[in-house]
Protein backbone atom coordinates (compact mmCIF):
# COMPACT_ATOMS: atom_id res chain seq x y z
CA UNK A 1 22.55 1.99 -18.95
CA UNK A 2 19.95 3.00 -16.34
CA UNK A 3 16.42 3.86 -17.35
CA UNK A 4 14.59 6.82 -15.83
CA UNK A 5 12.79 4.52 -13.41
CA UNK A 6 16.08 2.91 -12.36
CA UNK A 7 17.59 6.35 -11.84
CA UNK A 8 15.09 7.14 -9.08
CA UNK A 9 11.90 8.17 -10.83
CA UNK A 10 8.85 7.57 -8.64
CA UNK A 11 5.82 5.64 -9.80
CA UNK A 12 2.25 5.20 -8.69
CA UNK A 13 1.47 2.12 -6.67
CA UNK A 14 0.42 -0.73 -8.95
CA UNK A 15 -3.30 -0.89 -9.69
CA UNK A 16 -5.09 -2.89 -7.03
CA UNK A 17 -2.26 -2.96 -4.48
CA UNK A 18 -2.79 0.28 -2.54
CA UNK A 19 -5.31 -1.21 -0.12
CA UNK A 20 -3.12 -4.27 0.48
CA UNK A 21 -0.05 -2.11 1.16
CA UNK A 22 -1.97 0.26 3.46
CA UNK A 23 -3.42 -2.66 5.42
CA UNK A 24 0.05 -4.17 5.78
CA UNK A 25 1.49 -0.89 7.09
CA UNK A 26 -1.38 -0.61 9.58
CA UNK A 27 -0.44 -3.99 11.09
CA UNK A 28 2.60 -2.26 12.60
CA UNK A 29 0.85 0.71 14.20
CA UNK A 30 -2.07 3.11 13.78
CA UNK A 31 -1.24 5.89 11.31
CA UNK A 32 -2.80 8.97 9.81
CA UNK A 33 -3.08 9.29 6.04
CA UNK A 34 -0.02 11.47 5.58
CA UNK A 35 2.01 9.07 7.74
CA UNK A 36 0.88 6.12 5.60
CA UNK A 37 1.97 7.94 2.46
CA UNK A 38 5.38 8.80 3.91
CA UNK A 39 5.97 5.30 5.30
CA UNK A 40 5.12 3.69 1.96
CA UNK A 41 7.55 6.00 0.20
CA UNK A 42 10.26 5.29 2.78
CA UNK A 43 9.88 1.51 2.75
CA UNK A 44 9.70 1.39 -1.06
CA UNK A 45 12.92 3.45 -1.17
CA UNK A 46 11.16 6.32 -2.93
CA UNK A 47 9.73 4.15 -5.70
CA UNK A 48 6.06 4.44 -4.71
CA UNK A 49 4.55 7.89 -4.42
CA UNK A 50 0.94 7.76 -3.25
CA UNK A 51 -0.95 10.96 -3.90
CA UNK A 52 -3.70 12.05 -1.54
CA UNK A 53 -6.25 11.77 -4.35
CA UNK A 54 -5.68 8.00 -4.36
CA UNK A 55 -5.01 7.34 -0.69
CA UNK A 56 -8.01 8.99 0.96
CA UNK A 57 -10.62 7.35 -1.31
CA UNK A 58 -8.93 3.99 -0.59
CA UNK A 59 -9.08 4.68 3.16
CA UNK A 60 -12.79 5.56 2.85
CA UNK A 61 -13.48 2.31 0.95
CA UNK A 62 -11.68 0.31 3.62
CA UNK A 63 -13.64 2.07 6.37
CA UNK A 64 -16.94 1.26 4.63
CA UNK A 65 -15.91 -2.37 4.23
CA UNK A 66 -14.93 -2.65 7.90
CA UNK A 67 -11.27 -3.42 7.17
CA UNK A 68 -10.07 -0.42 9.19
CA UNK A 69 -11.48 1.90 11.82
CA UNK A 70 -10.53 5.50 12.54
CA UNK A 71 -10.32 7.88 15.46
CA UNK A 72 -9.18 11.45 15.93
CA UNK A 73 -5.94 11.94 17.88
CA UNK A 74 -3.17 14.48 18.31
CA UNK A 75 -0.42 13.93 15.73
CA UNK A 76 3.35 14.12 16.26
CA UNK A 77 3.22 17.90 15.79
CA UNK A 78 0.23 18.18 18.16
CA UNK A 79 -2.35 18.74 15.42
CA UNK A 80 -5.61 16.87 15.18
CA UNK A 81 -5.38 13.97 12.72
CA UNK A 82 -7.51 10.97 11.85
CA UNK A 83 -5.64 7.78 12.73
CA UNK A 84 -6.47 4.49 11.04
CA UNK A 85 -6.23 1.03 12.60
CA UNK A 86 -6.67 -2.38 11.00
CA UNK A 87 -9.61 -4.49 12.21
CA UNK A 88 -9.97 -8.25 12.52
CA UNK A 89 -11.80 -8.24 9.17
CA UNK A 90 -8.93 -6.18 7.76
CA UNK A 91 -6.43 -8.84 8.81
CA UNK A 92 -8.52 -11.48 7.01
CA UNK A 93 -8.69 -9.30 3.91
CA UNK A 94 -4.95 -8.66 4.02
CA UNK A 95 -4.25 -12.40 4.15
CA UNK A 96 -6.50 -12.95 1.11
CA UNK A 97 -4.90 -10.08 -0.82
CA UNK A 98 -1.36 -11.28 -0.07
CA UNK A 99 -2.29 -14.77 -1.26
CA UNK A 100 -3.72 -13.34 -4.50
CA UNK A 101 -0.66 -11.09 -4.99
CA UNK A 102 1.71 -14.04 -4.58
CA UNK A 103 -0.32 -16.10 -7.05
CA UNK A 104 -0.50 -13.28 -9.63
CA UNK A 105 3.11 -12.11 -9.29
CA UNK A 106 4.27 -15.72 -9.56
CA UNK A 107 2.35 -16.05 -12.83
CA UNK A 108 3.92 -12.84 -14.16
CA UNK A 109 7.39 -14.12 -13.23
CA UNK A 110 6.74 -17.41 -15.03
CA UNK A 111 5.76 -15.52 -18.20
CA UNK A 112 8.85 -13.29 -17.97
CA UNK A 113 11.15 -16.27 -17.50
CA UNK A 114 9.51 -18.00 -20.46
CA UNK A 115 9.99 -14.94 -22.67
CA UNK A 116 13.67 -14.61 -21.69
CA UNK A 117 14.33 -18.27 -22.41
CA UNK A 118 13.21 -17.75 -25.98
CA UNK A 119 9.95 -19.62 -25.80
């Protein structure tokens, strides 16, 4: 029997992963905030729904830290939008965050396997 989440319910991005996911998306191409949100939803197959109240503060933090830079451009519908691009420091940060994610998610998987094996 499917749970609500399995039946297509969206969820917030896991705590601490929004910046990593945004940086990863920006390795493909510069994007504006709305585009980042849509791309994350598309790639996650509608599982992750990033609200603007989470995304824009994360983008501002990354700008302050030098992980991304921004410039104003015309969007696809010819409106002015702020486009974000990953910097060299952002690539270094992304590598570090991916390494930490792999370490942490591996630990979670080991605990789950242990629990399912009955201890």
